[in-house]
Every structure is written in structure tokens, then in C-alpha cells.
Amino acid sequence: MIEQKNKISKKWLAIGILIAFFLIAPMFIRDNKGVYIRDTDKSTEPEPEPEPEPKPEPEPKTTYVGSKNSDVYHHTWCHYVDRIKSGNKRYFSSSQAARAAGYRPCLVCKPP
């Protein structure tokens, strides 16, 4: 009779360890700084939808591009145009318009 109780208690001990390992342990998170209790609040509120990213404005048909932060204008194919942030780009329909705005031609792509 004592052996049977001993077997049953060992069985329940093993079940208790498994329950603790699979049910209680996942509530704790361990990282480099220590052990933290995971937020177990499972709210039924839906997650807010992410805001759609603003679509970039299409570039107008131009032949020259300058930056608001410099005084140089470029052909649209010049590799320096890729370095200008889209918010800082200024577009010109002619080299005369760029010069009238105070810009000088790029020394690499050499626009007129």
C-alpha cells in the first residue's frame, strides 16, 4: 500500500512539474537584464490599423533638379540627384529658370 501511494505521489509530482513548466513558465520572460513577468492581460480590443504611408508625389516633367539646401542644379539623370531627399528637391523646366533662382550648374553632369 505504501509503494502504491509513493507511485501516485511521484506521478502527481511529475504532473505538477509539467504544469509549472508549460503553463507558468511562459508567463516569465528572461533577457540579459533579468526576469520579467509577461503581460498576461489578453484584451479583446482589436489592434489599431497602421496608418497608410503617404504616397510620394509624382515628379513633374522637368529637365533640371536642384536642392533647397544647395545652390547647384543638375540633369535629372545625374547621380547627385539620388542623394537629394525628395522633400528638398526643386524642379526647373529650363536652365534659365534655375539660374534665375540663384543656382549654378553641376560640375559633374554639366547642364547648360
N, C-alpha and C. Protein backbone atom coordinates (compact mmCIF):
# COMPACT_ATOMS: atom_id res chain seq x y z
N MET A 1 0.82 -1.19 0.00
CA MET A 1 0.00 0.00 0.00
C MET A 1 0.86 1.26 0.00
N ILE A 2 1.94 1.26 0.75
CA ILE A 2 2.82 2.42 0.82
C ILE A 2 3.50 2.63 -0.53
N GLU A 3 3.89 1.54 -1.20
CA GLU A 3 4.51 1.67 -2.52
C GLU A 3 3.55 2.27 -3.53
N GLN A 4 2.28 1.90 -3.45
CA GLN A 4 1.29 2.44 -4.38
C GLN A 4 1.10 3.94 -4.15
N LYS A 5 1.04 4.37 -2.89
CA LYS A 5 0.92 5.79 -2.59
C LYS A 5 2.17 6.54 -3.06
N ASN A 6 3.31 5.92 -2.92
CA ASN A 6 4.56 6.52 -3.34
C ASN A 6 4.57 6.71 -4.86
N LYS A 7 4.05 5.70 -5.61
CA LYS A 7 3.98 5.81 -7.06
C LYS A 7 3.01 6.90 -7.47
N ILE A 8 1.89 6.99 -6.77
CA ILE A 8 0.89 8.01 -7.10
C ILE A 8 1.45 9.40 -6.80
N SER A 9 2.12 9.57 -5.68
CA SER A 9 2.66 10.88 -5.34
C SER A 9 3.76 11.29 -6.32
N LYS A 10 4.58 10.33 -6.78
CA LYS A 10 5.59 10.64 -7.78
C LYS A 10 4.94 11.03 -9.10
N LYS A 11 3.84 10.36 -9.43
CA LYS A 11 3.10 10.67 -10.66
C LYS A 11 2.56 12.09 -10.60
N TRP A 12 1.94 12.44 -9.46
CA TRP A 12 1.38 13.79 -9.34
C TRP A 12 2.48 14.85 -9.25
N LEU A 13 3.59 14.50 -8.69
CA LEU A 13 4.72 15.42 -8.66
C LEU A 13 5.21 15.71 -10.08
N ALA A 14 5.31 14.66 -10.89
CA ALA A 14 5.73 14.85 -12.28
C ALA A 14 4.71 15.69 -13.04
N ILE A 15 3.44 15.45 -12.82
CA ILE A 15 2.39 16.24 -13.49
C ILE A 15 2.48 17.69 -13.03
N GLY A 16 2.72 17.91 -11.77
CA GLY A 16 2.84 19.28 -11.26
C GLY A 16 4.03 20.01 -11.87
N ILE A 17 5.13 19.31 -12.03
CA ILE A 17 6.31 19.93 -12.65
C ILE A 17 6.02 20.28 -14.11
N LEU A 18 5.35 19.37 -14.82
CA LEU A 18 5.00 19.66 -16.22
C LEU A 18 4.05 20.85 -16.33
N ILE A 19 3.08 20.90 -15.44
CA ILE A 19 2.14 22.03 -15.46
C ILE A 19 2.89 23.33 -15.19
N ALA A 20 3.78 23.31 -14.21
CA ALA A 20 4.55 24.51 -13.90
C ALA A 20 5.43 24.92 -15.07
N PHE A 21 6.00 23.94 -15.74
CA PHE A 21 6.91 24.25 -16.84
C PHE A 21 6.19 24.80 -18.06
N PHE A 22 5.05 24.21 -18.42
CA PHE A 22 4.36 24.61 -19.64
C PHE A 22 3.32 25.70 -19.45
N LEU A 23 2.77 25.85 -18.25
CA LEU A 23 1.74 26.86 -18.05
C LEU A 23 2.24 28.11 -17.33
N ILE A 24 3.07 27.93 -16.34
CA ILE A 24 3.51 29.06 -15.54
C ILE A 24 4.77 29.70 -16.12
N ALA A 25 5.72 28.91 -16.56
CA ALA A 25 6.99 29.44 -17.07
C ALA A 25 6.81 30.36 -18.27
N PRO A 26 5.89 30.10 -19.21
CA PRO A 26 5.76 31.03 -20.33
C PRO A 26 5.30 32.43 -19.93
N MET A 27 4.83 32.60 -18.68
CA MET A 27 4.43 33.93 -18.25
C MET A 27 5.63 34.80 -17.91
N PHE A 28 6.80 34.21 -17.83
CA PHE A 28 8.01 34.94 -17.49
C PHE A 28 8.91 35.02 -18.72
N ILE A 29 9.55 36.17 -18.86
CA ILE A 29 10.46 36.38 -19.97
C ILE A 29 11.84 36.64 -19.38
N ARG A 30 12.83 35.99 -19.93
CA ARG A 30 14.19 36.19 -19.43
C ARG A 30 15.01 36.86 -20.53
N ASP A 31 15.72 37.90 -20.15
CA ASP A 31 16.65 38.53 -21.09
C ASP A 31 17.94 38.82 -20.34
N ASN A 32 18.80 39.62 -20.94
CA ASN A 32 20.11 39.89 -20.34
C ASN A 32 20.02 40.65 -19.02
N LYS A 33 18.94 41.38 -18.81
CA LYS A 33 18.82 42.23 -17.63
C LYS A 33 18.16 41.52 -16.45
N GLY A 34 17.51 40.39 -16.69
CA GLY A 34 16.85 39.68 -15.60
C GLY A 34 15.59 39.00 -16.09
N VAL A 35 14.71 38.71 -15.14
CA VAL A 35 13.47 38.03 -15.45
C VAL A 35 12.33 39.02 -15.27
N TYR A 36 11.45 39.07 -16.24
CA TYR A 36 10.31 39.98 -16.19
C TYR A 36 9.03 39.16 -16.30
N ILE A 37 7.98 39.64 -15.67
CA ILE A 37 6.69 38.98 -15.80
C ILE A 37 6.02 39.50 -17.05
N ARG A 38 5.61 38.58 -17.90
CA ARG A 38 4.96 38.94 -19.15
C ARG A 38 3.57 39.48 -18.86
N ASP A 39 3.14 40.43 -19.65
CA ASP A 39 1.80 40.97 -19.51
C ASP A 39 0.80 39.90 -19.94
N THR A 40 0.01 39.41 -18.99
CA THR A 40 -0.92 38.34 -19.30
C THR A 40 -2.30 38.86 -19.62
N ASP A 41 -2.47 40.17 -19.66
CA ASP A 41 -3.76 40.75 -19.98
C ASP A 41 -4.04 40.56 -21.46
N LYS A 42 -4.94 39.68 -21.76
CA LYS A 42 -5.32 39.41 -23.16
C LYS A 42 -6.60 40.20 -23.46
N SER A 43 -6.44 41.45 -23.79
CA SER A 43 -7.62 42.27 -24.07
C SER A 43 -8.20 41.87 -25.41
N THR A 44 -9.50 42.01 -25.52
CA THR A 44 -10.19 41.63 -26.75
C THR A 44 -10.33 42.80 -27.71
N GLU A 45 -9.73 43.92 -27.37
CA GLU A 45 -9.82 45.08 -28.26
C GLU A 45 -9.01 44.81 -29.52
N PRO A 46 -9.55 45.17 -30.66
CA PRO A 46 -8.78 44.95 -31.89
C PRO A 46 -7.59 45.90 -31.95
N GLU A 47 -6.53 45.43 -32.55
CA GLU A 47 -5.35 46.28 -32.69
C GLU A 47 -5.64 47.39 -33.68
N PRO A 48 -5.14 48.59 -33.41
CA PRO A 48 -5.40 49.68 -34.35
C PRO A 48 -4.70 49.40 -35.68
N GLU A 49 -5.39 49.76 -36.75
CA GLU A 49 -4.81 49.55 -38.08
C GLU A 49 -3.68 50.55 -38.30
N PRO A 50 -2.58 50.10 -38.89
CA PRO A 50 -1.48 51.03 -39.14
C PRO A 50 -1.90 52.07 -40.18
N GLU A 51 -1.37 53.26 -39.97
CA GLU A 51 -1.69 54.33 -40.91
C GLU A 51 -0.99 54.07 -42.23
N PRO A 52 -1.69 54.28 -43.34
CA PRO A 52 -1.03 54.06 -44.63
C PRO A 52 0.08 55.09 -44.85
N GLU A 53 1.15 54.62 -45.45
CA GLU A 53 2.26 55.53 -45.72
C GLU A 53 1.86 56.52 -46.82
N PRO A 54 2.26 57.77 -46.66
CA PRO A 54 1.90 58.73 -47.70
C PRO A 54 2.61 58.39 -49.01
N LYS A 55 1.87 58.48 -50.07
CA LYS A 55 2.45 58.19 -51.38
C LYS A 55 3.27 59.39 -51.83
N PRO A 56 4.46 59.15 -52.36
CA PRO A 56 5.26 60.28 -52.82
C PRO A 56 4.60 60.93 -54.03
N GLU A 57 4.73 62.24 -54.07
CA GLU A 57 4.15 62.97 -55.19
C GLU A 57 4.93 62.65 -56.45
N PRO A 58 4.23 62.47 -57.56
CA PRO A 58 4.96 62.21 -58.80
C PRO A 58 5.78 63.43 -59.19
N GLU A 59 6.97 63.17 -59.67
CA GLU A 59 7.84 64.27 -60.07
C GLU A 59 7.29 64.91 -61.35
N PRO A 60 7.24 66.23 -61.36
CA PRO A 60 6.78 66.88 -62.58
C PRO A 60 7.79 66.67 -63.71
N LYS A 61 7.33 66.76 -64.93
CA LYS A 61 8.23 66.60 -66.07
C LYS A 61 9.16 67.81 -66.13
N THR A 62 10.40 67.56 -65.75
CA THR A 62 11.39 68.63 -65.72
C THR A 62 12.68 68.12 -66.33
N THR A 63 13.55 69.02 -66.56
CA THR A 63 14.84 68.64 -67.10
C THR A 63 15.96 68.91 -66.12
N TYR A 64 15.70 69.69 -65.07
CA TYR A 64 16.75 70.04 -64.11
C TYR A 64 16.21 69.94 -62.69
N VAL A 65 17.10 69.54 -61.78
CA VAL A 65 16.72 69.38 -60.38
C VAL A 65 17.78 70.06 -59.52
N GLY A 66 17.31 70.79 -58.51
CA GLY A 66 18.20 71.41 -57.54
C GLY A 66 17.76 71.05 -56.13
N SER A 67 18.60 71.35 -55.17
CA SER A 67 18.26 71.11 -53.78
C SER A 67 17.97 72.42 -53.08
N LYS A 68 17.06 72.37 -52.12
CA LYS A 68 16.78 73.56 -51.33
C LYS A 68 17.97 73.92 -50.44
N ASN A 69 18.85 72.94 -50.19
CA ASN A 69 19.96 73.15 -49.28
C ASN A 69 21.27 73.51 -49.98
N SER A 70 21.25 73.63 -51.29
CA SER A 70 22.48 73.99 -52.00
C SER A 70 22.13 74.97 -53.12
N ASP A 71 23.15 75.39 -53.87
CA ASP A 71 22.93 76.32 -54.96
C ASP A 71 23.32 75.70 -56.31
N VAL A 72 23.24 74.36 -56.41
CA VAL A 72 23.65 73.65 -57.63
C VAL A 72 22.43 72.99 -58.25
N TYR A 73 22.31 73.05 -59.58
CA TYR A 73 21.25 72.32 -60.26
C TYR A 73 21.87 71.27 -61.18
N HIS A 74 21.12 70.18 -61.42
CA HIS A 74 21.63 69.01 -62.11
C HIS A 74 20.65 68.56 -63.19
N HIS A 75 21.16 67.74 -64.13
CA HIS A 75 20.27 66.99 -65.01
C HIS A 75 19.56 65.94 -64.15
N THR A 76 18.38 65.49 -64.58
CA THR A 76 17.64 64.51 -63.79
C THR A 76 18.37 63.18 -63.71
N TRP A 77 19.25 62.87 -64.64
CA TRP A 77 19.97 61.60 -64.64
C TRP A 77 21.27 61.65 -63.85
N CYS A 78 21.66 62.79 -63.34
CA CYS A 78 22.91 62.93 -62.58
C CYS A 78 22.82 62.12 -61.28
N HIS A 79 23.91 61.43 -60.94
CA HIS A 79 23.87 60.60 -59.74
C HIS A 79 23.77 61.41 -58.46
N TYR A 80 24.09 62.67 -58.49
CA TYR A 80 23.93 63.50 -57.29
C TYR A 80 22.46 63.79 -56.98
N VAL A 81 21.60 63.66 -57.96
CA VAL A 81 20.17 63.87 -57.72
C VAL A 81 19.63 62.80 -56.77
N ASP A 82 20.18 61.57 -56.86
CA ASP A 82 19.73 60.50 -55.99
C ASP A 82 20.05 60.77 -54.52
N ARG A 83 21.02 61.61 -54.25
CA ARG A 83 21.41 61.93 -52.88
C ARG A 83 20.52 63.00 -52.25
N ILE A 84 19.75 63.70 -53.06
CA ILE A 84 18.87 64.77 -52.55
C ILE A 84 17.59 64.12 -52.03
N LYS A 85 17.21 64.46 -50.81
CA LYS A 85 15.96 63.95 -50.26
C LYS A 85 14.80 64.49 -51.07
N SER A 86 13.75 63.68 -51.21
CA SER A 86 12.63 64.08 -52.06
C SER A 86 11.96 65.36 -51.56
N GLY A 87 11.97 65.59 -50.27
CA GLY A 87 11.37 66.82 -49.74
C GLY A 87 12.19 68.07 -50.01
N ASN A 88 13.46 67.90 -50.34
CA ASN A 88 14.34 69.04 -50.59
C ASN A 88 14.55 69.33 -52.07
N LYS A 89 13.97 68.53 -52.94
CA LYS A 89 14.19 68.73 -54.38
C LYS A 89 13.37 69.90 -54.91
N ARG A 90 14.00 70.66 -55.78
CA ARG A 90 13.30 71.73 -56.52
C ARG A 90 13.47 71.43 -58.00
N TYR A 91 12.41 71.59 -58.75
CA TYR A 91 12.41 71.23 -60.16
C TYR A 91 12.36 72.48 -61.02
N PHE A 92 13.11 72.42 -62.11
CA PHE A 92 13.16 73.55 -63.04
C PHE A 92 12.91 73.03 -64.46
N SER A 93 12.18 73.81 -65.23
CA SER A 93 11.89 73.40 -66.60
C SER A 93 12.98 73.84 -67.58
N SER A 94 13.81 74.76 -67.14
CA SER A 94 14.90 75.21 -68.03
C SER A 94 16.09 75.63 -67.18
N SER A 95 17.24 75.69 -67.82
CA SER A 95 18.44 76.13 -67.09
C SER A 95 18.35 77.62 -66.75
N GLN A 96 17.63 78.39 -67.59
CA GLN A 96 17.46 79.81 -67.30
C GLN A 96 16.65 80.00 -66.01
N ALA A 97 15.64 79.15 -65.81
CA ALA A 97 14.83 79.26 -64.59
C ALA A 97 15.67 78.90 -63.36
N ALA A 98 16.54 77.92 -63.50
CA ALA A 98 17.40 77.53 -62.38
C ALA A 98 18.39 78.65 -62.06
N ARG A 99 18.97 79.25 -63.09
CA ARG A 99 19.92 80.35 -62.87
C ARG A 99 19.22 81.56 -62.28
N ALA A 100 17.99 81.83 -62.72
CA ALA A 100 17.23 82.96 -62.18
C ALA A 100 16.92 82.75 -60.70
N ALA A 101 16.81 81.48 -60.27
CA ALA A 101 16.55 81.18 -58.86
C ALA A 101 17.83 81.20 -58.04
N GLY A 102 18.98 81.46 -58.67
CA GLY A 102 20.24 81.58 -57.94
C GLY A 102 21.08 80.31 -57.92
N TYR A 103 20.77 79.37 -58.79
CA TYR A 103 21.52 78.12 -58.84
C TYR A 103 22.62 78.19 -59.90
N ARG A 104 23.66 77.40 -59.69
CA ARG A 104 24.74 77.29 -60.67
C ARG A 104 24.74 75.86 -61.22
N PRO A 105 25.32 75.62 -62.40
CA PRO A 105 25.31 74.26 -62.96
C PRO A 105 26.25 73.32 -62.21
N CYS A 106 25.90 72.05 -62.22
CA CYS A 106 26.72 70.99 -61.60
C CYS A 106 27.99 70.82 -62.41
N LEU A 107 29.10 70.58 -61.74
CA LEU A 107 30.38 70.39 -62.44
C LEU A 107 30.55 68.96 -62.94
N VAL A 108 29.67 68.04 -62.55
CA VAL A 108 29.77 66.65 -62.99
C VAL A 108 28.93 66.42 -64.24
N CYS A 109 27.63 66.73 -64.17
CA CYS A 109 26.75 66.48 -65.33
C CYS A 109 26.76 67.65 -66.31
N LYS A 110 27.25 68.79 -65.90
CA LYS A 110 27.43 69.99 -66.73
C LYS A 110 26.19 70.38 -67.55
N PRO A 111 25.09 70.74 -66.87
CA PRO A 111 23.94 71.24 -67.61
C PRO A 111 24.25 72.62 -68.17
N PRO A 112 23.52 73.03 -69.21
CA PRO A 112 23.82 74.36 -69.82
C PRO A 112 23.50 75.51 -68.88
